[in-house]
Protein backbone atom coordinates (compact mmCIF):
# COMPACT_ATOMS: atom_id res chain seq x y z
CA MET A 1 0.00 0.00 0.00
CA THR A 2 1.41 3.37 -0.99
CA MET A 3 1.49 6.37 1.36
CA MET A 4 -1.26 8.06 -0.66
CA GLU A 5 -3.52 5.00 -0.36
CA GLU A 6 -2.80 4.82 3.37
CA ARG A 7 -3.63 8.51 3.82
CA GLN A 8 -6.83 8.00 1.84
CA LEU A 9 -7.72 4.96 3.97
CA ASN A 10 -7.34 7.01 7.17
CA GLN A 11 -9.69 9.64 5.73
CA TYR A 12 -12.75 7.31 5.64
CA ARG A 13 -14.47 5.31 8.39
CA LEU A 14 -17.59 3.28 8.94
CA PHE A 15 -19.29 4.17 12.22
CA ARG A 16 -21.70 1.71 13.78
CA GLN A 17 -25.17 2.57 14.96
CA GLY A 18 -27.31 0.02 16.75
CA CYS A 19 -30.53 -1.22 15.13
CA TYR A 20 -32.94 -1.95 17.96
CA ASP A 21 -35.65 -4.58 18.00
CA ARG A 22 -38.58 -2.85 19.72
CA ARG A 23 -40.34 -6.10 20.54
CA ARG A 24 -37.37 -7.55 22.39
CA ASP A 25 -35.79 -4.22 23.45
CA TRP A 26 -32.20 -5.00 22.48
CA VAL A 27 -29.75 -4.38 19.65
CA ASP A 28 -30.63 -6.66 16.74
CA GLY A 29 -27.78 -5.63 14.45
CA TYR A 30 -25.83 -2.60 13.31
CA GLU A 31 -26.03 -0.01 10.57
CA LEU A 32 -22.59 1.05 9.34
CA LEU A 33 -22.46 4.70 8.29
CA MET A 34 -19.74 5.92 5.91
CA ARG A 35 -18.02 9.14 6.99
CA GLU A 36 -15.14 11.20 5.60
CA GLN A 37 -12.78 13.26 7.76
CA VAL A 38 -12.46 16.89 6.63
CA ASN A 39 -10.80 19.52 8.85
CA ASP A 40 -10.85 17.13 11.83
CA GLN A 41 -14.62 16.62 11.55
CA TRP A 42 -16.47 13.55 10.29
CA ARG A 43 -19.15 14.11 7.63
CA VAL A 44 -20.95 12.35 4.79
CA PRO A 45 -18.51 11.97 1.85
CA MET A 46 -19.07 14.49 -0.94
CA ASP A 47 -17.66 12.37 -3.80
CA PHE A 48 -18.22 8.62 -3.68
CA SER A 49 -16.34 8.12 -6.95
CA LEU A 50 -13.10 8.45 -4.94
CA ILE A 51 -13.96 5.35 -2.91
CA THR A 52 -12.70 2.44 -4.99
CA PRO A 53 -13.29 -1.24 -4.14
CA SER A 54 -9.63 -1.59 -3.13
CA LEU A 55 -10.10 1.30 -0.67
CA PHE A 56 -13.54 0.19 0.54
CA ALA A 57 -12.59 -3.44 1.33
CA PRO A 58 -10.10 -2.67 4.16
CA ILE A 59 -12.52 -0.07 5.60
CA VAL A 60 -15.27 -2.70 5.79
CA ALA A 61 -12.85 -5.31 7.18
CA GLU A 62 -11.75 -2.94 9.95
CA ALA A 63 -15.34 -2.02 10.86
CA ILE A 64 -16.50 -5.65 10.92
CA HIS A 65 -13.55 -6.59 13.14
CA HIS A 66 -14.94 -4.27 15.84
CA LEU A 67 -18.50 -5.65 15.78
CA PRO A 68 -19.30 -7.96 18.69
CA GLY A 69 -19.63 -11.67 17.91
CA LYS A 70 -21.90 -12.81 15.11
CA THR A 71 -23.86 -9.74 14.13
CA LYS A 72 -26.20 -8.71 11.36
CA ALA A 73 -24.88 -5.59 9.63
CA MET A 74 -26.16 -3.20 7.02
CA ILE A 75 -23.98 -0.65 5.23
CA ASN A 76 -25.64 2.70 4.56
CA LEU A 77 -24.04 5.05 2.07
CA LEU A 78 -25.73 8.46 1.87
CA ILE A 79 -25.24 9.83 -1.64
CA ASP A 80 -25.85 13.48 -2.63
CA LYS A 81 -27.67 14.05 0.67
CA CYS A 82 -30.91 12.91 -1.02
CA TYR A 83 -30.52 9.30 -2.13
CA ARG A 84 -29.52 6.28 -0.12
CA HIS A 85 -27.73 3.30 -1.57
CA TRP A 86 -28.10 0.24 0.61
CA LEU A 87 -25.85 -2.76 0.66
CA ARG A 88 -27.78 -5.16 2.85
CA TYR A 89 -26.59 -8.24 4.61
CA SER A 90 -30.04 -9.04 5.92
CA ASN A 91 -29.82 -12.83 5.95
CA LYS A 92 -26.06 -13.21 6.30
CA TYR A 93 -24.02 -12.97 9.44
CA LEU A 94 -20.68 -11.24 9.50
CA THR A 95 -18.19 -12.59 12.01
CA THR A 96 -15.28 -10.90 13.68
CA ASN A 97 -13.04 -13.97 13.25
């Protein structure tokens, strides 16, 4: 990995937000929200064309590593502040192993 790729990798993160099951009153899974660091603040990325698969894969791997046990996860990418593109893992379980 080049220094530029490493710098770019440190610029993006997936933050987890619990998805609660109201019937059982506990966390049923997590929504992973993509954020970009600009001027030491995290915000929704302005240009998703900069996020290539080779950049996105280690970001996802790092986020999944921090999820507890076997957990359902959903990745939410907010695009142009109006449209949402969902990559769902509704029936699959992602493990931290």
